[in-house]
ModelCIF file with pLDDT and N, C-alpha, C, O atoms, coordinates in Angstrom:
data_MODEL
#
_entry.id   MODEL 
#
_entity.id                         1 
_entity.type                       polymer 
_entity.pdbx_number_of_molecules   1 
#
_entity_poly.entity_id                      1 
_entity_poly.type                           'polypeptide(L)' 
_entity_poly.nstd_linkage                   no 
_entity_poly.nstd_monomer                   no 
_entity_poly.pdbx_seq_one_letter_code       AQYLYPRLEQMFKAQDIIVAETGTASMGLGFALLPKD 
_entity_poly.pdbx_seq_one_letter_code_can   AQYLYPRLEQMFKAQDIIVAETGTASMGLGFALLPKD 
_entity_poly.pdbx_strand_id                 A 
#
loop_
_entity_poly_seq.entity_id 
_entity_poly_seq.num 
_entity_poly_seq.mon_id 
_entity_poly_seq.hetero 
1 1  ALA n 
1 2  GLN n 
1 3  TYR n 
1 4  LEU n 
1 5  TYR n 
1 6  PRO n 
1 7  ARG n 
1 8  LEU n 
1 9  GLU n 
1 10 GLN n 
1 11 MET n 
1 12 PHE n 
1 13 LYS n 
1 14 ALA n 
1 15 GLN n 
1 16 ASP n 
1 17 ILE n 
1 18 ILE n 
1 19 VAL n 
1 20 ALA n 
1 21 GLU n 
1 22 THR n 
1 23 GLY n 
1 24 THR n 
1 25 ALA n 
1 26 SER n 
1 27 MET n 
1 28 GLY n 
1 29 LEU n 
1 30 GLY n 
1 31 PHE n 
1 32 ALA n 
1 33 LEU n 
1 34 LEU n 
1 35 PRO n 
1 36 LYS n 
1 37 ASP n 
#
_struct_asym.id          A 
_struct_asym.entity_id   1 
#
loop_
_ma_qa_metric.id 
_ma_qa_metric.mode 
_ma_qa_metric.name 
_ma_qa_metric.software_group_id 
_ma_qa_metric.type 
1 global pLDDT . pLDDT 
2 local  pLDDT . pLDDT 
#
_ma_qa_metric_global.metric_id      1 
_ma_qa_metric_global.metric_value   95.24 
_ma_qa_metric_global.model_id       1 
_ma_qa_metric_global.ordinal_id     1 
#
loop_
_ma_qa_metric_local.label_asym_id 
_ma_qa_metric_local.label_comp_id 
_ma_qa_metric_local.label_seq_id 
_ma_qa_metric_local.metric_id 
_ma_qa_metric_local.metric_value 
_ma_qa_metric_local.model_id 
_ma_qa_metric_local.ordinal_id 
A ALA 1  2 96.00 1 1  
A GLN 2  2 96.00 1 2  
A TYR 3  2 97.00 1 3  
A LEU 4  2 97.00 1 4  
A TYR 5  2 97.00 1 5  
A PRO 6  2 97.00 1 6  
A ARG 7  2 98.00 1 7  
A LEU 8  2 98.00 1 8  
A GLU 9  2 98.00 1 9  
A GLN 10 2 97.00 1 10 
A MET 11 2 97.00 1 11 
A PHE 12 2 98.00 1 12 
A LYS 13 2 97.00 1 13 
A ALA 14 2 96.00 1 14 
A GLN 15 2 96.00 1 15 
A ASP 16 2 98.00 1 16 
A ILE 17 2 98.00 1 17 
A ILE 18 2 98.00 1 18 
A VAL 19 2 98.00 1 19 
A ALA 20 2 97.00 1 20 
A GLU 21 2 96.00 1 21 
A THR 22 2 87.00 1 22 
A GLY 23 2 86.00 1 23 
A THR 24 2 90.00 1 24 
A ALA 25 2 92.00 1 25 
A SER 26 2 93.00 1 26 
A MET 27 2 92.00 1 27 
A GLY 28 2 93.00 1 28 
A LEU 29 2 95.00 1 29 
A GLY 30 2 92.00 1 30 
A PHE 31 2 93.00 1 31 
A ALA 32 2 96.00 1 32 
A LEU 33 2 96.00 1 33 
A LEU 34 2 97.00 1 34 
A PRO 35 2 96.00 1 35 
A LYS 36 2 93.00 1 36 
A ASP 37 2 93.00 1 37 
#
loop_
_atom_site.group_PDB 
_atom_site.id 
_atom_site.type_symbol 
_atom_site.label_atom_id 
_atom_site.label_alt_id 
_atom_site.label_comp_id 
_atom_site.label_asym_id 
_atom_site.label_entity_id 
_atom_site.label_seq_id 
_atom_site.pdbx_PDB_ins_code 
_atom_site.Cartn_x 
_atom_site.Cartn_y 
_atom_site.Cartn_z 
_atom_site.occupancy 
_atom_site.B_iso_or_equiv 
_atom_site.pdbx_formal_charge 
_atom_site.auth_seq_id 
_atom_site.auth_comp_id 
_atom_site.auth_asym_id 
_atom_site.auth_atom_id 
_atom_site.pdbx_PDB_model_num 
ATOM 1   N N  . ALA A 1 1  ? 8.174   -2.449  -10.013 1.00 96.00 ? 1  ALA A N  1 
ATOM 2   C CA . ALA A 1 1  ? 7.873   -2.309  -8.582  1.00 96.00 ? 1  ALA A CA 1 
ATOM 3   C C  . ALA A 1 1  ? 8.120   -0.886  -8.123  1.00 96.00 ? 1  ALA A C  1 
ATOM 4   O O  . ALA A 1 1  ? 7.430   -0.394  -7.230  1.00 96.00 ? 1  ALA A O  1 
ATOM 5   N N  . GLN A 1 2  ? 9.110   -0.209  -8.730  1.00 96.00 ? 2  GLN A N  1 
ATOM 6   C CA . GLN A 1 2  ? 9.442   1.157   -8.334  1.00 96.00 ? 2  GLN A CA 1 
ATOM 7   C C  . GLN A 1 2  ? 8.373   2.161   -8.759  1.00 96.00 ? 2  GLN A C  1 
ATOM 8   O O  . GLN A 1 2  ? 8.319   3.280   -8.247  1.00 96.00 ? 2  GLN A O  1 
ATOM 9   N N  . TYR A 1 3  ? 7.525   1.748   -9.700  1.00 97.00 ? 3  TYR A N  1 
ATOM 10  C CA . TYR A 1 3  ? 6.380   2.594   -10.056 1.00 97.00 ? 3  TYR A CA 1 
ATOM 11  C C  . TYR A 1 3  ? 5.115   2.144   -9.334  1.00 97.00 ? 3  TYR A C  1 
ATOM 12  O O  . TYR A 1 3  ? 4.377   2.960   -8.782  1.00 97.00 ? 3  TYR A O  1 
ATOM 13  N N  . LEU A 1 4  ? 4.877   0.839   -9.344  1.00 97.00 ? 4  LEU A N  1 
ATOM 14  C CA . LEU A 1 4  ? 3.608   0.309   -8.845  1.00 97.00 ? 4  LEU A CA 1 
ATOM 15  C C  . LEU A 1 4  ? 3.337   0.680   -7.388  1.00 97.00 ? 4  LEU A C  1 
ATOM 16  O O  . LEU A 1 4  ? 2.306   1.282   -7.088  1.00 97.00 ? 4  LEU A O  1 
ATOM 17  N N  . TYR A 1 5  ? 4.237   0.334   -6.491  1.00 97.00 ? 5  TYR A N  1 
ATOM 18  C CA . TYR A 1 5  ? 3.928   0.475   -5.069  1.00 97.00 ? 5  TYR A CA 1 
ATOM 19  C C  . TYR A 1 5  ? 3.845   1.935   -4.619  1.00 97.00 ? 5  TYR A C  1 
ATOM 20  O O  . TYR A 1 5  ? 2.965   2.262   -3.823  1.00 97.00 ? 5  TYR A O  1 
ATOM 21  N N  . PRO A 1 6  ? 4.728   2.834   -5.094  1.00 97.00 ? 6  PRO A N  1 
ATOM 22  C CA . PRO A 1 6  ? 4.503   4.247   -4.776  1.00 97.00 ? 6  PRO A CA 1 
ATOM 23  C C  . PRO A 1 6  ? 3.183   4.782   -5.345  1.00 97.00 ? 6  PRO A C  1 
ATOM 24  O O  . PRO A 1 6  ? 2.536   5.631   -4.732  1.00 97.00 ? 6  PRO A O  1 
ATOM 25  N N  . ARG A 1 7  ? 2.791   4.280   -6.520  1.00 98.00 ? 7  ARG A N  1 
ATOM 26  C CA . ARG A 1 7  ? 1.508   4.751   -7.091  1.00 98.00 ? 7  ARG A CA 1 
ATOM 27  C C  . ARG A 1 7  ? 0.342   4.257   -6.242  1.00 98.00 ? 7  ARG A C  1 
ATOM 28  O O  . ARG A 1 7  ? -0.633  4.985   -6.054  1.00 98.00 ? 7  ARG A O  1 
ATOM 29  N N  . LEU A 1 8  ? 0.425   3.041   -5.729  1.00 98.00 ? 8  LEU A N  1 
ATOM 30  C CA . LEU A 1 8  ? -0.637  2.560   -4.846  1.00 98.00 ? 8  LEU A CA 1 
ATOM 31  C C  . LEU A 1 8  ? -0.654  3.348   -3.548  1.00 98.00 ? 8  LEU A C  1 
ATOM 32  O O  . LEU A 1 8  ? -1.723  3.656   -3.022  1.00 98.00 ? 8  LEU A O  1 
ATOM 33  N N  . GLU A 1 9  ? 0.517   3.675   -3.030  1.00 98.00 ? 9  GLU A N  1 
ATOM 34  C CA . GLU A 1 9  ? 0.574   4.494   -1.818  1.00 98.00 ? 9  GLU A CA 1 
ATOM 35  C C  . GLU A 1 9  ? -0.184  5.802   -2.021  1.00 98.00 ? 9  GLU A C  1 
ATOM 36  O O  . GLU A 1 9  ? -0.867  6.267   -1.109  1.00 98.00 ? 9  GLU A O  1 
ATOM 37  N N  . GLN A 1 10 ? -0.071  6.395   -3.198  1.00 97.00 ? 10 GLN A N  1 
ATOM 38  C CA . GLN A 1 10 ? -0.756  7.645   -3.491  1.00 97.00 ? 10 GLN A CA 1 
ATOM 39  C C  . GLN A 1 10 ? -2.272  7.496   -3.509  1.00 97.00 ? 10 GLN A C  1 
ATOM 40  O O  . GLN A 1 10 ? -2.993  8.442   -3.191  1.00 97.00 ? 10 GLN A O  1 
ATOM 41  N N  . MET A 1 11 ? -2.761  6.311   -3.878  1.00 97.00 ? 11 MET A N  1 
ATOM 42  C CA . MET A 1 11 ? -4.214  6.134   -3.987  1.00 97.00 ? 11 MET A CA 1 
ATOM 43  C C  . MET A 1 11 ? -4.882  5.859   -2.650  1.00 97.00 ? 11 MET A C  1 
ATOM 44  O O  . MET A 1 11 ? -6.096  6.022   -2.530  1.00 97.00 ? 11 MET A O  1 
ATOM 45  N N  . PHE A 1 12 ? -4.116  5.443   -1.637  1.00 98.00 ? 12 PHE A N  1 
ATOM 46  C CA . PHE A 1 12 ? -4.712  5.116   -0.348  1.00 98.00 ? 12 PHE A CA 1 
ATOM 47  C C  . PHE A 1 12 ? -5.285  6.366   0.313   1.00 98.00 ? 12 PHE A C  1 
ATOM 48  O O  . PHE A 1 12 ? -4.688  7.442   0.267   1.00 98.00 ? 12 PHE A O  1 
ATOM 49  N N  . LYS A 1 13 ? -6.463  6.198   0.931   1.00 97.00 ? 13 LYS A N  1 
ATOM 50  C CA . LYS A 1 13 ? -7.151  7.314   1.573   1.00 97.00 ? 13 LYS A CA 1 
ATOM 51  C C  . LYS A 1 13 ? -7.472  6.957   3.028   1.00 97.00 ? 13 LYS A C  1 
ATOM 52  O O  . LYS A 1 13 ? -7.449  5.791   3.422   1.00 97.00 ? 13 LYS A O  1 
ATOM 53  N N  . ALA A 1 14 ? -7.769  7.986   3.803   1.00 96.00 ? 14 ALA A N  1 
ATOM 54  C CA . ALA A 1 14 ? -8.191  7.775   5.186   1.00 96.00 ? 14 ALA A CA 1 
ATOM 55  C C  . ALA A 1 14 ? -9.370  6.808   5.222   1.00 96.00 ? 14 ALA A C  1 
ATOM 56  O O  . ALA A 1 14 ? -10.255 6.864   4.369   1.00 96.00 ? 14 ALA A O  1 
ATOM 57  N N  . GLN A 1 15 ? -9.375  5.934   6.204   1.00 96.00 ? 15 GLN A N  1 
ATOM 58  C CA . GLN A 1 15 ? -10.440 4.954   6.458   1.00 96.00 ? 15 GLN A CA 1 
ATOM 59  C C  . GLN A 1 15 ? -10.366 3.721   5.561   1.00 96.00 ? 15 GLN A C  1 
ATOM 60  O O  . GLN A 1 15 ? -11.102 2.765   5.802   1.00 96.00 ? 15 GLN A O  1 
ATOM 61  N N  . ASP A 1 16 ? -9.512  3.699   4.538   1.00 98.00 ? 16 ASP A N  1 
ATOM 62  C CA . ASP A 1 16 ? -9.433  2.534   3.658   1.00 98.00 ? 16 ASP A CA 1 
ATOM 63  C C  . ASP A 1 16 ? -9.094  1.266   4.440   1.00 98.00 ? 16 ASP A C  1 
ATOM 64  O O  . ASP A 1 16 ? -8.357  1.306   5.425   1.00 98.00 ? 16 ASP A O  1 
ATOM 65  N N  . ILE A 1 17 ? -9.641  0.152   3.985   1.00 98.00 ? 17 ILE A N  1 
ATOM 66  C CA . ILE A 1 17 ? -9.222  -1.171  4.456   1.00 98.00 ? 17 ILE A CA 1 
ATOM 67  C C  . ILE A 1 17 ? -8.433  -1.816  3.326   1.00 98.00 ? 17 ILE A C  1 
ATOM 68  O O  . ILE A 1 17 ? -8.989  -2.136  2.276   1.00 98.00 ? 17 ILE A O  1 
ATOM 69  N N  . ILE A 1 18 ? -7.145  -2.004  3.544   1.00 98.00 ? 18 ILE A N  1 
ATOM 70  C CA . ILE A 1 18 ? -6.257  -2.548  2.514   1.00 98.00 ? 18 ILE A CA 1 
ATOM 71  C C  . ILE A 1 18 ? -5.895  -3.980  2.908   1.00 98.00 ? 18 ILE A C  1 
ATOM 72  O O  . ILE A 1 18 ? -5.353  -4.215  3.988   1.00 98.00 ? 18 ILE A O  1 
ATOM 73  N N  . VAL A 1 19 ? -6.192  -4.920  2.038   1.00 98.00 ? 19 VAL A N  1 
ATOM 74  C CA . VAL A 1 19 ? -5.884  -6.331  2.287   1.00 98.00 ? 19 VAL A CA 1 
ATOM 75  C C  . VAL A 1 19 ? -4.858  -6.753  1.251   1.00 98.00 ? 19 VAL A C  1 
ATOM 76  O O  . VAL A 1 19 ? -5.143  -6.758  0.053   1.00 98.00 ? 19 VAL A O  1 
ATOM 77  N N  . ALA A 1 20 ? -3.664  -7.106  1.711   1.00 97.00 ? 20 ALA A N  1 
ATOM 78  C CA . ALA A 1 20 ? -2.561  -7.444  0.806   1.00 97.00 ? 20 ALA A CA 1 
ATOM 79  C C  . ALA A 1 20 ? -2.184  -8.905  0.980   1.00 97.00 ? 20 ALA A C  1 
ATOM 80  O O  . ALA A 1 20 ? -1.977  -9.376  2.099   1.00 97.00 ? 20 ALA A O  1 
ATOM 81  N N  . GLU A 1 21 ? -2.097  -9.617  -0.135  1.00 96.00 ? 21 GLU A N  1 
ATOM 82  C CA . GLU A 1 21 ? -1.797  -11.040 -0.104  1.00 96.00 ? 21 GLU A CA 1 
ATOM 83  C C  . GLU A 1 21 ? -0.385  -11.313 0.408   1.00 96.00 ? 21 GLU A C  1 
ATOM 84  O O  . GLU A 1 21 ? 0.533   -10.513 0.223   1.00 96.00 ? 21 GLU A O  1 
ATOM 85  N N  . THR A 1 22 ? -0.242  -12.460 1.051   1.00 87.00 ? 22 THR A N  1 
ATOM 86  C CA . THR A 1 22 ? 1.061   -12.942 1.482   1.00 87.00 ? 22 THR A CA 1 
ATOM 87  C C  . THR A 1 22 ? 2.017   -12.990 0.299   1.00 87.00 ? 22 THR A C  1 
ATOM 88  O O  . THR A 1 22 ? 1.652   -13.438 -0.788  1.00 87.00 ? 22 THR A O  1 
ATOM 89  N N  . GLY A 1 23 ? 3.242   -12.524 0.519   1.00 86.00 ? 23 GLY A N  1 
ATOM 90  C CA . GLY A 1 23 ? 4.239   -12.590 -0.541  1.00 86.00 ? 23 GLY A CA 1 
ATOM 91  C C  . GLY A 1 23 ? 4.599   -11.224 -1.062  1.00 86.00 ? 23 GLY A C  1 
ATOM 92  O O  . GLY A 1 23 ? 4.649   -10.258 -0.301  1.00 86.00 ? 23 GLY A O  1 
ATOM 93  N N  . THR A 1 24 ? 4.855   -11.129 -2.378  1.00 90.00 ? 24 THR A N  1 
ATOM 94  C CA . THR A 1 24 ? 5.397   -9.897  -2.929  1.00 90.00 ? 24 THR A CA 1 
ATOM 95  C C  . THR A 1 24 ? 4.421   -8.731  -2.832  1.00 90.00 ? 24 THR A C  1 
ATOM 96  O O  . THR A 1 24 ? 4.859   -7.587  -2.708  1.00 90.00 ? 24 THR A O  1 
ATOM 97  N N  . ALA A 1 25 ? 3.124   -8.977  -2.884  1.00 92.00 ? 25 ALA A N  1 
ATOM 98  C CA . ALA A 1 25 ? 2.152   -7.881  -2.810  1.00 92.00 ? 25 ALA A CA 1 
ATOM 99  C C  . ALA A 1 25 ? 2.255   -7.149  -1.480  1.00 92.00 ? 25 ALA A C  1 
ATOM 100 O O  . ALA A 1 25 ? 2.378   -5.924  -1.449  1.00 92.00 ? 25 ALA A O  1 
ATOM 101 N N  . SER A 1 26 ? 2.206   -7.894  -0.386  1.00 93.00 ? 26 SER A N  1 
ATOM 102 C CA . SER A 1 26 ? 2.279   -7.251  0.926   1.00 93.00 ? 26 SER A CA 1 
ATOM 103 C C  . SER A 1 26 ? 3.670   -6.687  1.181   1.00 93.00 ? 26 SER A C  1 
ATOM 104 O O  . SER A 1 26 ? 3.800   -5.631  1.800   1.00 93.00 ? 26 SER A O  1 
ATOM 105 N N  . MET A 1 27 ? 4.712   -7.371  0.717   1.00 92.00 ? 27 MET A N  1 
ATOM 106 C CA . MET A 1 27 ? 6.074   -6.874  0.924   1.00 92.00 ? 27 MET A CA 1 
ATOM 107 C C  . MET A 1 27 ? 6.307   -5.562  0.185   1.00 92.00 ? 27 MET A C  1 
ATOM 108 O O  . MET A 1 27 ? 7.030   -4.694  0.673   1.00 92.00 ? 27 MET A O  1 
ATOM 109 N N  . GLY A 1 28 ? 5.702   -5.416  -0.984  1.00 93.00 ? 28 GLY A N  1 
ATOM 110 C CA . GLY A 1 28 ? 5.851   -4.179  -1.732  1.00 93.00 ? 28 GLY A CA 1 
ATOM 111 C C  . GLY A 1 28 ? 5.210   -2.995  -1.056  1.00 93.00 ? 28 GLY A C  1 
ATOM 112 O O  . GLY A 1 28 ? 5.640   -1.857  -1.246  1.00 93.00 ? 28 GLY A O  1 
ATOM 113 N N  . LEU A 1 29 ? 4.169   -3.257  -0.255  1.00 95.00 ? 29 LEU A N  1 
ATOM 114 C CA . LEU A 1 29 ? 3.443   -2.182  0.412   1.00 95.00 ? 29 LEU A CA 1 
ATOM 115 C C  . LEU A 1 29 ? 3.853   -1.996  1.868   1.00 95.00 ? 29 LEU A C  1 
ATOM 116 O O  . LEU A 1 29 ? 3.353   -1.097  2.545   1.00 95.00 ? 29 LEU A O  1 
ATOM 117 N N  . GLY A 1 30 ? 4.760   -2.840  2.354   1.00 92.00 ? 30 GLY A N  1 
ATOM 118 C CA . GLY A 1 30 ? 5.119   -2.788  3.766   1.00 92.00 ? 30 GLY A CA 1 
ATOM 119 C C  . GLY A 1 30 ? 5.642   -1.443  4.214   1.00 92.00 ? 30 GLY A C  1 
ATOM 120 O O  . GLY A 1 30 ? 5.401   -1.033  5.350   1.00 92.00 ? 30 GLY A O  1 
ATOM 121 N N  . PHE A 1 31 ? 6.363   -0.740  3.332   1.00 93.00 ? 31 PHE A N  1 
ATOM 122 C CA . PHE A 1 31 ? 6.974   0.531   3.709   1.00 93.00 ? 31 PHE A CA 1 
ATOM 123 C C  . PHE A 1 31 ? 6.194   1.736   3.178   1.00 93.00 ? 31 PHE A C  1 
ATOM 124 O O  . PHE A 1 31 ? 6.667   2.869   3.269   1.00 93.00 ? 31 PHE A O  1 
ATOM 125 N N  . ALA A 1 32 ? 5.009   1.498   2.627   1.00 96.00 ? 32 ALA A N  1 
ATOM 126 C CA . ALA A 1 32 ? 4.128   2.605   2.239   1.00 96.00 ? 32 ALA A CA 1 
ATOM 127 C C  . ALA A 1 32 ? 3.587   3.276   3.501   1.00 96.00 ? 32 ALA A C  1 
ATOM 128 O O  . ALA A 1 32 ? 3.282   2.603   4.485   1.00 96.00 ? 32 ALA A O  1 
ATOM 129 N N  . LEU A 1 33 ? 3.472   4.581   3.467   1.00 96.00 ? 33 LEU A N  1 
ATOM 130 C CA . LEU A 1 33 ? 2.893   5.310   4.605   1.00 96.00 ? 33 LEU A CA 1 
ATOM 131 C C  . LEU A 1 33 ? 1.378   5.365   4.441   1.00 96.00 ? 33 LEU A C  1 
ATOM 132 O O  . LEU A 1 33 ? 0.871   5.759   3.391   1.00 96.00 ? 33 LEU A O  1 
ATOM 133 N N  . LEU A 1 34 ? 0.672   4.971   5.474   1.00 97.00 ? 34 LEU A N  1 
ATOM 134 C CA . LEU A 1 34 ? -0.786  4.939   5.419   1.00 97.00 ? 34 LEU A CA 1 
ATOM 135 C C  . LEU A 1 34 ? -1.370  6.264   5.897   1.00 97.00 ? 34 LEU A C  1 
ATOM 136 O O  . LEU A 1 34 ? -0.843  6.875   6.827   1.00 97.00 ? 34 LEU A O  1 
ATOM 137 N N  . PRO A 1 35 ? -2.449  6.710   5.272   1.00 96.00 ? 35 PRO A N  1 
ATOM 138 C CA . PRO A 1 35 ? -3.135  7.904   5.779   1.00 96.00 ? 35 PRO A CA 1 
ATOM 139 C C  . PRO A 1 35 ? -3.877  7.600   7.075   1.00 96.00 ? 35 PRO A C  1 
ATOM 140 O O  . PRO A 1 35 ? -3.983  6.441   7.476   1.00 96.00 ? 35 PRO A O  1 
ATOM 141 N N  . LYS A 1 36 ? -4.379  8.613   7.714   1.00 93.00 ? 36 LYS A N  1 
ATOM 142 C CA . LYS A 1 36 ? -5.025  8.485   9.013   1.00 93.00 ? 36 LYS A CA 1 
ATOM 143 C C  . LYS A 1 36 ? -6.166  7.481   8.964   1.00 93.00 ? 36 LYS A C  1 
ATOM 144 O O  . LYS A 1 36 ? -7.021  7.528   8.080   1.00 93.00 ? 36 LYS A O  1 
ATOM 145 N N  . ASP A 1 37 ? -6.158  6.575   9.931   1.00 93.00 ? 37 ASP A N  1 
ATOM 146 C CA . ASP A 1 37 ? -7.225  5.594   10.148  1.00 93.00 ? 37 ASP A CA 1 
ATOM 147 C C  . ASP A 1 37 ? -7.370  4.565   9.027   1.00 93.00 ? 37 ASP A C  1 
ATOM 148 O O  . ASP A 1 37 ? -8.233  3.690   9.100   1.00 93.00 ? 37 ASP A O  1 
#
């Protein structure tokens, strides 16, 4: 988890629509910083 979620945070781009499933997937991304829009 300490690798996966920060790596996903890096891949997110402006305008992306990110849909995260209920449970560990969304919880892992809850504290990721999103780019603009």
